[in-house]
C-alpha atoms as a PDB file:
ATOM      1  CA  MET A   1     -92.916 -16.478 -10.129  1.00  0.00           C
ATOM      2  CA  THR A   2     -90.658 -17.195 -13.219  1.00  0.00           C
ATOM      3  CA  THR A   3     -87.226 -18.860 -12.910  1.00  0.00           C
ATOM      4  CA  SER A   4     -84.657 -17.795 -15.374  1.00  0.00           C
ATOM      5  CA  VAL A   5     -81.512 -20.025 -16.093  1.00  0.00           C
ATOM      6  CA  LEU A   6     -78.743 -18.012 -17.383  1.00  0.00           C
ATOM      7  CA  ILE A   7     -75.932 -19.993 -19.219  1.00  0.00           C
ATOM      8  CA  PRO A   8     -72.843 -17.921 -20.480  1.00  0.00           C
ATOM      9  CA  ALA A   9     -71.022 -19.824 -23.287  1.00  0.00           C
ATOM     10  CA  HIS A  10     -67.762 -18.974 -24.936  1.00  0.00           C
ATOM     11  CA  ASN A  11     -66.848 -21.739 -27.497  1.00  0.00           C
ATOM     12  CA  GLU A  12     -68.611 -24.377 -25.517  1.00  0.00           C
ATOM     13  CA  ALA A  13     -69.717 -26.577 -28.341  1.00  0.00           C
ATOM     14  CA  ALA A  14     -68.165 -29.622 -26.768  1.00  0.00           C
ATOM     15  CA  TYR A  15     -69.842 -29.196 -23.378  1.00  0.00           C
ATOM     16  CA  LEU A  16     -73.121 -27.134 -23.843  1.00  0.00           C
ATOM     17  CA  PRO A  17     -75.174 -30.244 -25.284  1.00  0.00           C
ATOM     18  CA  ALA A  18     -74.777 -32.152 -21.947  1.00  0.00           C
ATOM     19  CA  CYS A  19     -75.503 -28.985 -19.952  1.00  0.00           C
ATOM     20  CA  LEU A  20     -78.737 -28.410 -21.914  1.00  0.00           C
ATOM     21  CA  GLU A  21     -79.620 -31.849 -21.936  1.00  0.00           C
ATOM     22  CA  ALA A  22     -79.615 -32.056 -18.189  1.00  0.00           C
ATOM     23  CA  VAL A  23     -81.396 -28.679 -17.712  1.00  0.00           C
ATOM     24  CA  LEU A  24     -84.353 -29.730 -19.933  1.00  0.00           C
ATOM     25  CA  ALA A  25     -84.495 -33.015 -18.363  1.00  0.00           C
ATOM     26  CA  SER A  26     -85.045 -31.386 -15.053  1.00  0.00           C
ATOM     27  CA  ASP A  27     -87.975 -32.165 -12.648  1.00  0.00           C
ATOM     28  CA  PRO A  28     -91.071 -30.095 -13.088  1.00  0.00           C
ATOM     29  CA  VAL A  29     -91.045 -26.670 -11.721  1.00  0.00           C
ATOM     30  CA  THR A  30     -94.325 -25.082 -10.407  1.00  0.00           C
ATOM     31  CA  GLU A  31     -93.805 -21.793 -12.042  1.00  0.00           C
ATOM     32  CA  PRO A  32     -92.647 -20.912 -15.628  1.00  0.00           C
ATOM     33  CA  VAL A  33     -89.010 -21.410 -16.536  1.00  0.00           C
ATOM     34  CA  GLU A  34     -86.740 -19.650 -19.145  1.00  0.00           C
ATOM     35  CA  VAL A  35     -83.396 -20.773 -20.245  1.00  0.00           C
ATOM     36  CA  ILE A  36     -81.167 -18.057 -21.758  1.00  0.00           C
ATOM     37  CA  VAL A  37     -77.811 -19.221 -23.397  1.00  0.00           C
ATOM     38  CA  ILE A  38     -75.634 -16.105 -23.735  1.00  0.00           C
ATOM     39  CA  ALA A  39     -73.141 -17.150 -26.570  1.00  0.00           C
ATOM     40  CA  ASN A  40     -70.239 -14.663 -26.187  1.00  0.00           C
ATOM     41  CA  GLY A  41     -67.382 -14.113 -28.507  1.00  0.00           C
ATOM     42  CA  CYS A  42     -67.813 -17.522 -30.085  1.00  0.00           C
ATOM     43  CA  THR A  43     -66.058 -18.995 -33.087  1.00  0.00           C
ATOM     44  CA  ASP A  44     -67.649 -22.250 -32.975  1.00  0.00           C
ATOM     45  CA  ALA A  45     -71.151 -23.625 -33.303  1.00  0.00           C
ATOM     46  CA  THR A  46     -72.176 -22.777 -29.750  1.00  0.00           C
ATOM     47  CA  ALA A  47     -75.138 -20.562 -30.684  1.00  0.00           C
ATOM     48  CA  ASP A  48     -76.438 -23.048 -33.277  1.00  0.00           C
ATOM     49  CA  ILE A  49     -76.214 -25.881 -30.844  1.00  0.00           C
ATOM     50  CA  ALA A  50     -78.190 -23.946 -28.231  1.00  0.00           C
ATOM     51  CA  ARG A  51     -80.906 -23.053 -30.867  1.00  0.00           C
ATOM     52  CA  GLY A  52     -81.072 -26.612 -31.690  1.00  0.00           C
ATOM     53  CA  PHE A  53     -82.784 -27.418 -28.185  1.00  0.00           C
ATOM     54  CA  THR A  54     -85.757 -25.002 -28.854  1.00  0.00           C
ATOM     55  CA  ALA A  55     -88.166 -27.758 -29.635  1.00  0.00           C
ATOM     56  CA  ARG A  56     -87.194 -29.775 -26.595  1.00  0.00           C
ATOM     57  CA  ALA A  57     -87.754 -26.670 -24.323  1.00  0.00           C
ATOM     58  CA  ASP A  58     -91.232 -25.884 -26.175  1.00  0.00           C
ATOM     59  CA  ALA A  59     -92.251 -29.550 -25.544  1.00  0.00           C
ATOM     60  CA  ARG A  60     -92.186 -28.835 -21.905  1.00  0.00           C
ATOM     61  CA  ASP A  61     -93.586 -25.230 -22.096  1.00  0.00           C
ATOM     62  CA  TRP A  62     -90.130 -23.717 -21.199  1.00  0.00           C
ATOM     63  CA  LYS A  63     -88.798 -20.872 -23.158  1.00  0.00           C
ATOM     64  CA  LEU A  64     -85.381 -20.974 -24.662  1.00  0.00           C
ATOM     65  CA  ARG A  65     -83.654 -17.899 -25.697  1.00  0.00           C
ATOM     66  CA  VAL A  66     -80.241 -17.612 -27.371  1.00  0.00           C
ATOM     67  CA  LEU A  67     -78.154 -14.342 -27.210  1.00  0.00           C
ATOM     68  CA  ASP A  68     -75.443 -14.357 -29.837  1.00  0.00           C
ATOM     69  CA  LEU A  69     -72.943 -11.503 -28.748  1.00  0.00           C
ATOM     70  CA  ALA A  70     -69.892 -10.552 -30.735  1.00  0.00           C
ATOM     71  CA  GLU A  71     -68.134  -9.465 -27.721  1.00  0.00           C
ATOM     72  CA  GLY A  72     -66.478 -12.221 -25.449  1.00  0.00           C
ATOM     73  CA  GLY A  73     -66.392 -11.985 -21.518  1.00  0.00           C
ATOM     74  CA  LYS A  74     -68.486 -13.569 -18.839  1.00  0.00           C
ATOM     75  CA  LEU A  75     -69.334 -10.586 -16.798  1.00  0.00           C
ATOM     76  CA  ASN A  76     -70.568  -8.894 -19.824  1.00  0.00           C
ATOM     77  CA  ALA A  77     -72.717 -12.038 -20.718  1.00  0.00           C
ATOM     78  CA  TRP A  78     -74.051 -12.010 -17.174  1.00  0.00           C
ATOM     79  CA  ASN A  79     -75.201  -8.219 -17.686  1.00  0.00           C
ATOM     80  CA  GLU A  80     -76.691  -8.994 -21.107  1.00  0.00           C
ATOM     81  CA  GLY A  81     -78.625 -12.171 -19.910  1.00  0.00           C
ATOM     82  CA  GLU A  82     -80.005 -10.331 -16.857  1.00  0.00           C
ATOM     83  CA  ALA A  83     -81.269  -7.601 -19.130  1.00  0.00           C
ATOM     84  CA  THR A  84     -83.156 -10.098 -21.176  1.00  0.00           C
ATOM     85  CA  ALA A  85     -84.195 -12.289 -18.127  1.00  0.00           C
ATOM     86  CA  THR A  86     -87.821 -11.933 -16.682  1.00  0.00           C
ATOM     87  CA  GLY A  87     -87.388 -14.258 -13.901  1.00  0.00           C
ATOM     88  CA  ASP A  88     -87.976 -13.520 -10.181  1.00  0.00           C
ATOM     89  CA  VAL A  89     -85.466 -16.267  -9.501  1.00  0.00           C
ATOM     90  CA  LEU A  90     -82.173 -15.948 -11.410  1.00  0.00           C
ATOM     91  CA  ILE A  91     -80.028 -19.249 -11.719  1.00  0.00           C
ATOM     92  CA  TYR A  92     -76.420 -18.587 -13.004  1.00  0.00           C
ATOM     93  CA  LEU A  93     -75.003 -21.915 -14.543  1.00  0.00           C
ATOM     94  CA  ASP A  94     -71.677 -22.583 -16.137  1.00  0.00           C
ATOM     95  CA  ALA A  95     -72.017 -24.322 -19.554  1.00  0.00           C
ATOM     96  CA  ASP A  96     -69.772 -27.287 -18.411  1.00  0.00           C
ATOM     97  CA  VAL A  97     -72.012 -28.200 -15.449  1.00  0.00           C
ATOM     98  CA  VAL A  98     -74.560 -30.863 -15.647  1.00  0.00           C
ATOM     99  CA  VAL A  99     -77.495 -30.592 -13.044  1.00  0.00           C
ATOM    100  CA  SER A 100     -79.258 -33.345 -11.466  1.00  0.00           C
ATOM    101  CA  PRO A 101     -83.064 -33.519 -12.073  1.00  0.00           C
ATOM    102  CA  PRO A 102     -84.161 -31.981  -8.833  1.00  0.00           C
ATOM    103  CA  LEU A 103     -81.741 -29.016  -8.706  1.00  0.00           C
ATOM    104  CA  ILE A 104     -83.666 -26.200 -10.507  1.00  0.00           C
ATOM    105  CA  ALA A 105     -86.924 -27.081  -8.640  1.00  0.00           C
ATOM    106  CA  GLN A 106     -85.248 -27.087  -5.320  1.00  0.00           C
ATOM    107  CA  ILE A 107     -83.370 -23.764  -5.867  1.00  0.00           C
ATOM    108  CA  SER A 108     -86.581 -22.123  -7.194  1.00  0.00           C
ATOM    109  CA  GLU A 109     -88.588 -23.327  -4.075  1.00  0.00           C
ATOM    110  CA  VAL A 110     -85.965 -22.009  -1.558  1.00  0.00           C
ATOM    111  CA  LEU A 111     -85.818 -18.637  -3.351  1.00  0.00           C
ATOM    112  CA  ASN A 112     -89.414 -18.002  -3.584  1.00  0.00           C
ATOM    113  CA  VAL A 113     -89.476 -15.480  -0.823  1.00  0.00           C
ATOM    114  CA  THR A 114     -89.650 -11.678  -0.556  1.00  0.00           C
ATOM    115  CA  THR A 115     -86.233 -11.404   1.525  1.00  0.00           C
ATOM    116  CA  PRO A 116     -82.882 -11.511  -0.201  1.00  0.00           C
ATOM    117  CA  ARG A 117     -81.544 -15.077  -0.582  1.00  0.00           C
ATOM    118  CA  TYR A 118     -78.553 -16.810  -2.319  1.00  0.00           C
ATOM    119  CA  ALA A 119     -78.659 -20.413  -3.082  1.00  0.00           C
ATOM    120  CA  SER A 120     -76.690 -23.298  -4.819  1.00  0.00           C
ATOM    121  CA  GLY A 121     -76.652 -27.058  -4.799  1.00  0.00           C
ATOM    122  CA  THR A 122     -74.336 -29.722  -3.552  1.00  0.00           C
ATOM    123  CA  PRO A 123     -71.379 -29.985  -5.832  1.00  0.00           C
ATOM    124  CA  ASN A 124     -70.070 -33.423  -7.141  1.00  0.00           C
ATOM    125  CA  VAL A 125     -66.592 -32.615  -8.309  1.00  0.00           C
ATOM    126  CA  THR A 126     -65.718 -34.952 -11.221  1.00  0.00           C
ATOM    127  CA  VAL A 127     -62.282 -36.151 -12.859  1.00  0.00           C
ATOM    128  CA  THR A 128     -63.032 -37.796 -16.133  1.00  0.00           C
ATOM    129  CA  GLY A 129     -59.544 -38.412 -17.278  1.00  0.00           C
ATOM    130  CA  ASP A 130     -56.959 -40.963 -16.025  1.00  0.00           C
ATOM    131  CA  ASP A 131     -54.639 -38.203 -14.578  1.00  0.00           C
ATOM    132  CA  ALA A 132     -53.666 -39.630 -11.081  1.00  0.00           C
ATOM    133  CA  LEU A 133     -52.168 -36.277  -9.902  1.00  0.00           C
ATOM    134  CA  THR A 134     -55.590 -34.674 -10.619  1.00  0.00           C
ATOM    135  CA  ARG A 135     -57.428 -37.310  -8.610  1.00  0.00           C
ATOM    136  CA  HIS A 136     -54.973 -37.104  -5.557  1.00  0.00           C
ATOM    137  CA  TYR A 137     -55.348 -33.289  -5.628  1.00  0.00           C
ATOM    138  CA  THR A 138     -59.055 -33.458  -5.878  1.00  0.00           C
ATOM    139  CA  ARG A 139     -59.321 -35.836  -2.901  1.00  0.00           C
ATOM    140  CA  PHE A 140     -57.572 -33.276  -0.591  1.00  0.00           C
ATOM    141  CA  TRP A 141     -59.291 -30.188  -2.132  1.00  0.00           C
ATOM    142  CA  LEU A 142     -62.541 -31.812  -1.160  1.00  0.00           C
ATOM    143  CA  THR A 143     -61.571 -31.799   2.590  1.00  0.00           C
ATOM    144  CA  THR A 144     -60.655 -28.087   2.699  1.00  0.00           C
ATOM    145  CA  PRO A 145     -62.882 -25.718   4.728  1.00  0.00           C
ATOM    146  CA  PHE A 146     -64.042 -24.055   1.543  1.00  0.00           C
ATOM    147  CA  MET A 147     -65.629 -27.385   0.475  1.00  0.00           C
ATOM    148  CA  THR A 148     -66.920 -28.505   3.860  1.00  0.00           C
ATOM    149  CA  HIS A 149     -68.395 -25.364   5.203  1.00  0.00           C
ATOM    150  CA  GLY A 150     -71.108 -23.048   4.000  1.00  0.00           C
ATOM    151  CA  VAL A 151     -72.321 -22.792   0.408  1.00  0.00           C
ATOM    152  CA  PRO A 152     -69.289 -22.770  -2.067  1.00  0.00           C
ATOM    153  CA  GLY A 153     -71.450 -21.938  -5.098  1.00  0.00           C
ATOM    154  CA  PHE A 154     -68.878 -22.606  -7.807  1.00  0.00           C
ATOM    155  CA  GLY A 155     -70.367 -23.501 -11.184  1.00  0.00           C
ATOM    156  CA  VAL A 156     -73.985 -22.996 -10.102  1.00  0.00           C
ATOM    157  CA  PHE A 157     -75.295 -20.215  -7.996  1.00  0.00           C
ATOM    158  CA  ALA A 158     -78.700 -18.372  -7.768  1.00  0.00           C
ATOM    159  CA  MET A 159     -80.531 -15.555  -6.028  1.00  0.00           C
ATOM    160  CA  ASN A 160     -84.010 -13.967  -6.095  1.00  0.00           C
ATOM    161  CA  ARG A 161     -84.594 -10.470  -7.284  1.00  0.00           C
ATOM    162  CA  ALA A 162     -84.428  -8.817  -3.820  1.00  0.00           C
ATOM    163  CA  ALA A 163     -80.939 -10.372  -3.492  1.00  0.00           C
ATOM    164  CA  ARG A 164     -79.764  -9.232  -6.849  1.00  0.00           C
ATOM    165  CA  ALA A 165     -80.622  -5.710  -5.923  1.00  0.00           C
ATOM    166  CA  ARG A 166     -77.416  -5.737  -3.717  1.00  0.00           C
ATOM    167  CA  TRP A 167     -75.408  -4.302  -6.537  1.00  0.00           C
ATOM    168  CA  GLY A 168     -75.773  -2.807 -10.131  1.00  0.00           C
ATOM    169  CA  GLU A 169     -74.106  -4.324 -13.086  1.00  0.00           C
ATOM    170  CA  TRP A 170     -71.491  -6.996 -12.720  1.00  0.00           C
ATOM    171  CA  PRO A 171     -68.077  -5.447 -12.348  1.00  0.00           C
ATOM    172  CA  ASP A 172     -65.068  -6.514 -14.514  1.00  0.00           C
ATOM    173  CA  ILE A 173     -63.590  -9.057 -11.998  1.00  0.00           C
ATOM    174  CA  ILE A 174     -62.134 -12.399 -12.191  1.00  0.00           C
ATOM    175  CA  SER A 175     -64.024 -14.309  -9.671  1.00  0.00           C
ATOM    176  CA  ASP A 176     -67.758 -13.688 -10.162  1.00  0.00           C
ATOM    177  CA  ASP A 177     -68.817 -16.589  -8.024  1.00  0.00           C
ATOM    178  CA  THR A 178     -66.965 -15.312  -5.168  1.00  0.00           C
ATOM    179  CA  PHE A 179     -68.235 -11.790  -5.467  1.00  0.00           C
ATOM    180  CA  ALA A 180     -71.755 -13.025  -5.720  1.00  0.00           C
ATOM    181  CA  ARG A 181     -71.354 -15.344  -2.534  1.00  0.00           C
ATOM    182  CA  LEU A 182     -69.645 -12.699  -0.411  1.00  0.00           C
ATOM    183  CA  ASN A 183     -72.578 -10.143  -1.266  1.00  0.00           C
ATOM    184  CA  PHE A 184     -74.728 -12.173   1.498  1.00  0.00           C
ATOM    185  CA  LEU A 185     -74.275 -13.017   4.954  1.00  0.00           C
ATOM    186  CA  PRO A 186     -73.730 -16.743   5.820  1.00  0.00           C
ATOM    187  CA  ALA A 187     -77.309 -16.812   7.086  1.00  0.00           C
ATOM    188  CA  GLU A 188     -78.610 -15.578   3.767  1.00  0.00           C
ATOM    189  CA  ARG A 189     -76.768 -18.408   1.723  1.00  0.00           C
ATOM    190  CA  TYR A 190     -78.950 -21.597   1.307  1.00  0.00           C
ATOM    191  CA  SER A 191     -77.666 -24.877   0.120  1.00  0.00           C
ATOM    192  CA  VAL A 192     -80.176 -27.309  -1.366  1.00  0.00           C
ATOM    193  CA  PRO A 193     -79.463 -31.080  -1.308  1.00  0.00           C
ATOM    194  CA  ALA A 194     -79.665 -31.646  -5.097  1.00  0.00           C
ATOM    195  CA  ALA A 195     -76.257 -32.273  -6.808  1.00  0.00           C
ATOM    196  CA  TYR A 196     -74.622 -30.985  -9.867  1.00  0.00           C
ATOM    197  CA  ASN A 197     -71.506 -32.285 -11.537  1.00  0.00           C
ATOM    198  CA  TRP A 198     -68.646 -29.817 -11.879  1.00  0.00           C
ATOM    199  CA  PRO A 199     -65.400 -30.920 -13.804  1.00  0.00           C
ATOM    200  CA  MET A 200     -62.176 -30.444 -12.199  1.00  0.00           C
ATOM    201  CA  ILE A 201     -59.319 -29.054 -14.206  1.00  0.00           C
ATOM    202  CA  GLU A 202     -56.948 -31.772 -15.086  1.00  0.00           C
ATOM    203  CA  GLY A 203     -53.101 -31.797 -15.376  1.00  0.00           C
ATOM    204  CA  PHE A 204     -50.430 -30.215 -13.290  1.00  0.00           C
ATOM    205  CA  ALA A 205     -49.630 -27.254 -15.419  1.00  0.00           C
ATOM    206  CA  ARG A 206     -53.442 -26.350 -15.934  1.00  0.00           C
ATOM    207  CA  LEU A 207     -54.217 -26.804 -12.274  1.00  0.00           C
ATOM    208  CA  VAL A 208     -51.392 -24.374 -11.230  1.00  0.00           C
ATOM    209  CA  GLN A 209     -52.503 -21.838 -13.935  1.00  0.00           C
ATOM    210  CA  VAL A 210     -56.244 -21.996 -12.997  1.00  0.00           C
ATOM    211  CA  ARG A 211     -55.757 -22.195  -9.260  1.00  0.00           C
ATOM    212  CA  ARG A 212     -53.435 -19.225  -9.413  1.00  0.00           C
ATOM    213  CA  ARG A 213     -56.022 -17.239 -11.301  1.00  0.00           C
ATOM    214  CA  GLN A 214     -58.508 -18.085  -8.805  1.00  0.00           C
ATOM    215  CA  ASP A 215     -56.297 -16.902  -5.999  1.00  0.00           C
ATOM    216  CA  ILE A 216     -55.691 -13.691  -7.870  1.00  0.00           C
ATOM    217  CA  GLY A 217     -59.509 -13.325  -8.223  1.00  0.00           C
ATOM    218  CA  VAL A 218     -60.122 -13.588  -4.460  1.00  0.00           C
ATOM    219  CA  ALA A 219     -57.286 -11.157  -3.865  1.00  0.00           C
ATOM    220  CA  GLU A 220     -58.842  -8.589  -6.269  1.00  0.00           C
ATOM    221  CA  ILE A 221     -62.100  -8.763  -4.419  1.00  0.00           C
ATOM    222  CA  ALA A 222     -60.290  -8.318  -1.150  1.00  0.00           C
ATOM    223  CA  GLN A 223     -58.550  -5.230  -2.534  1.00  0.00           C
ATOM    224  CA  ARG A 224     -61.489  -3.644  -4.440  1.00  0.00           C
ATOM    225  CA  TYR A 225     -64.316  -4.634  -1.972  1.00  0.00           C
ATOM    226  CA  PRO A 226     -62.772  -5.277   1.324  1.00  0.00           C
ATOM    227  CA  ALA A 227     -66.063  -4.985   3.250  1.00  0.00           C
ATOM    228  CA  LEU A 228     -67.283  -8.079   1.536  1.00  0.00           C
ATOM    229  CA  MET A 229     -64.576 -10.225   3.120  1.00  0.00           C
ATOM    230  CA  ALA A 230     -66.262 -10.022   6.336  1.00  0.00           C
ATOM    231  CA  ASN A 231     -69.166 -12.064   4.903  1.00  0.00           C
ATOM    232  CA  ASP A 232     -66.877 -15.069   4.349  1.00  0.00           C
ATOM    233  CA  ASP A 233     -67.641 -18.206   6.333  1.00  0.00           C
ATOM    234  CA  THR A 234     -65.951 -18.882   9.690  1.00  0.00           C
ATOM    235  CA  HIS A 235     -64.100 -22.122   9.241  1.00  0.00           C
ATOM    236  CA  ASP A 236     -63.610 -24.261  12.238  1.00  0.00           C
ATOM    237  CA  GLN A 237     -60.760 -26.702  12.809  1.00  0.00           C
ATOM    238  CA  THR A 238     -62.606 -29.970  13.504  1.00  0.00           C
ATOM    239  CA  GLN A 239     -60.509 -31.407  10.712  1.00  0.00           C
ATOM    240  CA  PRO A 240     -57.097 -29.707  10.954  1.00  0.00           C
ATOM    241  CA  VAL A 241     -54.682 -30.001   8.256  1.00  0.00           C
ATOM    242  CA  TRP A 242     -52.212 -32.375   9.968  1.00  0.00           C
ATOM    243  CA  ARG A 243     -55.163 -34.852  10.568  1.00  0.00           C
ATOM    244  CA  ARG A 244     -56.263 -34.687   6.991  1.00  0.00           C
ATOM    245  CA  ALA A 245     -52.778 -35.041   5.845  1.00  0.00           C
ATOM    246  CA  LEU A 246     -52.158 -38.262   8.046  1.00  0.00           C
ATOM    247  CA  LYS A 247     -55.533 -39.723   6.445  1.00  0.00           C
ATOM    248  CA  ASP A 248     -54.277 -39.174   2.938  1.00  0.00           C
ATOM    249  CA  PRO A 249     -50.585 -38.356   2.635  1.00  0.00           C
ATOM    250  CA  VAL A 250     -50.265 -38.762  -1.092  1.00  0.00           C
ATOM    251  CA  ALA A 251     -53.295 -36.458  -1.714  1.00  0.00           C
ATOM    252  CA  PHE A 252     -51.785 -33.981   0.682  1.00  0.00           C
ATOM    253  CA  LEU A 253     -48.400 -33.905  -0.848  1.00  0.00           C
ATOM    254  CA  THR A 254     -50.002 -33.483  -4.368  1.00  0.00           C
ATOM    255  CA  PHE A 255     -52.188 -30.580  -3.060  1.00  0.00           C
ATOM    256  CA  GLY A 256     -49.061 -29.061  -1.423  1.00  0.00           C
ATOM    257  CA  ALA A 257     -47.027 -29.436  -4.640  1.00  0.00           C
ATOM    258  CA  VAL A 258     -49.698 -27.334  -6.561  1.00  0.00           C
ATOM    259  CA  ARG A 259     -50.084 -24.824  -4.030  1.00  0.00           C
ATOM    260  CA  LEU A 260     -46.308 -24.241  -3.787  1.00  0.00           C
ATOM    261  CA  ALA A 261     -46.037 -24.096  -7.674  1.00  0.00           C
ATOM    262  CA  ILE A 262     -48.824 -21.383  -7.623  1.00  0.00           C
ATOM    263  CA  ARG A 263     -46.340 -19.052  -5.423  1.00  0.00           C
ATOM    264  CA  LEU A 264     -43.357 -19.784  -7.809  1.00  0.00           C
ATOM    265  CA  PRO A 265     -42.667 -17.869 -11.145  1.00  0.00           C
ATOM    266  CA  VAL A 266     -43.448 -20.832 -13.241  1.00  0.00           C
ATOM    267  CA  LEU A 267     -46.173 -21.733 -15.463  1.00  0.00           C
ATOM    268  CA  ARG A 268     -47.407 -18.124 -15.364  1.00  0.00           C
ATOM    269  CA  SER A 269     -49.864 -16.900 -18.082  1.00  0.00           C
ATOM    270  CA  THR A 270     -50.434 -13.457 -19.294  1.00  0.00           C
ATOM    271  CA  ASN A 271     -53.950 -14.317 -20.047  1.00  0.00           C
ATOM    272  CA  ARG A 272     -56.113 -12.787 -17.061  1.00  0.00           C
ATOM    273  CA  TRP A 273     -58.900 -15.411 -18.121  1.00  0.00           C
ATOM    274  CA  VAL A 274     -56.709 -18.556 -18.474  1.00  0.00           C
ATOM    275  CA  ARG A 275     -58.975 -21.656 -18.492  1.00  0.00           C
ATOM    276  CA  GLY A 276     -58.296 -25.226 -17.649  1.00  0.00           C
ATOM    277  CA  ARG A 277     -59.400 -26.375 -21.045  1.00  0.00           C
END
């Protein structure tokens, strides 16, 4: 069994080194590993930076491949990366994510079965700046049912080949992680204990823009693939909103302000792929 780690990267020169450093410092994996960086539509040194890690990969008998695509777009990057990948396990990793040493090995192990399985790790949402608003927002977001139930899978998700056979090429959609997750029943989704660091978007305007895009992405899936919505997790109310709000009213008010702004005709972007950075 081979494990393929696919990393799409569009102008990620500032983030990719930390991502690859962490991947190549991973705990040993029983079977072969290949890392495929899909530089797409880059105007910076992303592809060259990725190639600079070839010797590091060779030193541990892992393969590193770099695809330098003229065309941008994450979904096309997934398609091109998959066409190159030889792995029985496919790990989809955002270039701004930093994995903990055990993550790749744990995902590879849980997906080493013949039945369809989807997997992810335990997200550690990080706020690196001094923006108090972002920290308040993040505290409350971490208490939402999306974060406390099931396997969220943002930043890192994975599946074995039997699972990937659920659909053909990646469609042109906004929320690829939601689409992937909802192609599987909750019982087919596995969370491993190993963590990964995922950076929260920082600043009120950027939070509003990116969170609005995420809402649009989920609505897009509900409209185009309504049957998938039945696979969403059932969220209980063991921690209702009012109780969480009383525990941390500042975080609740900040979270509510961002959610309200998402619904107002302000800070709108015409860019379907607006990013937080």
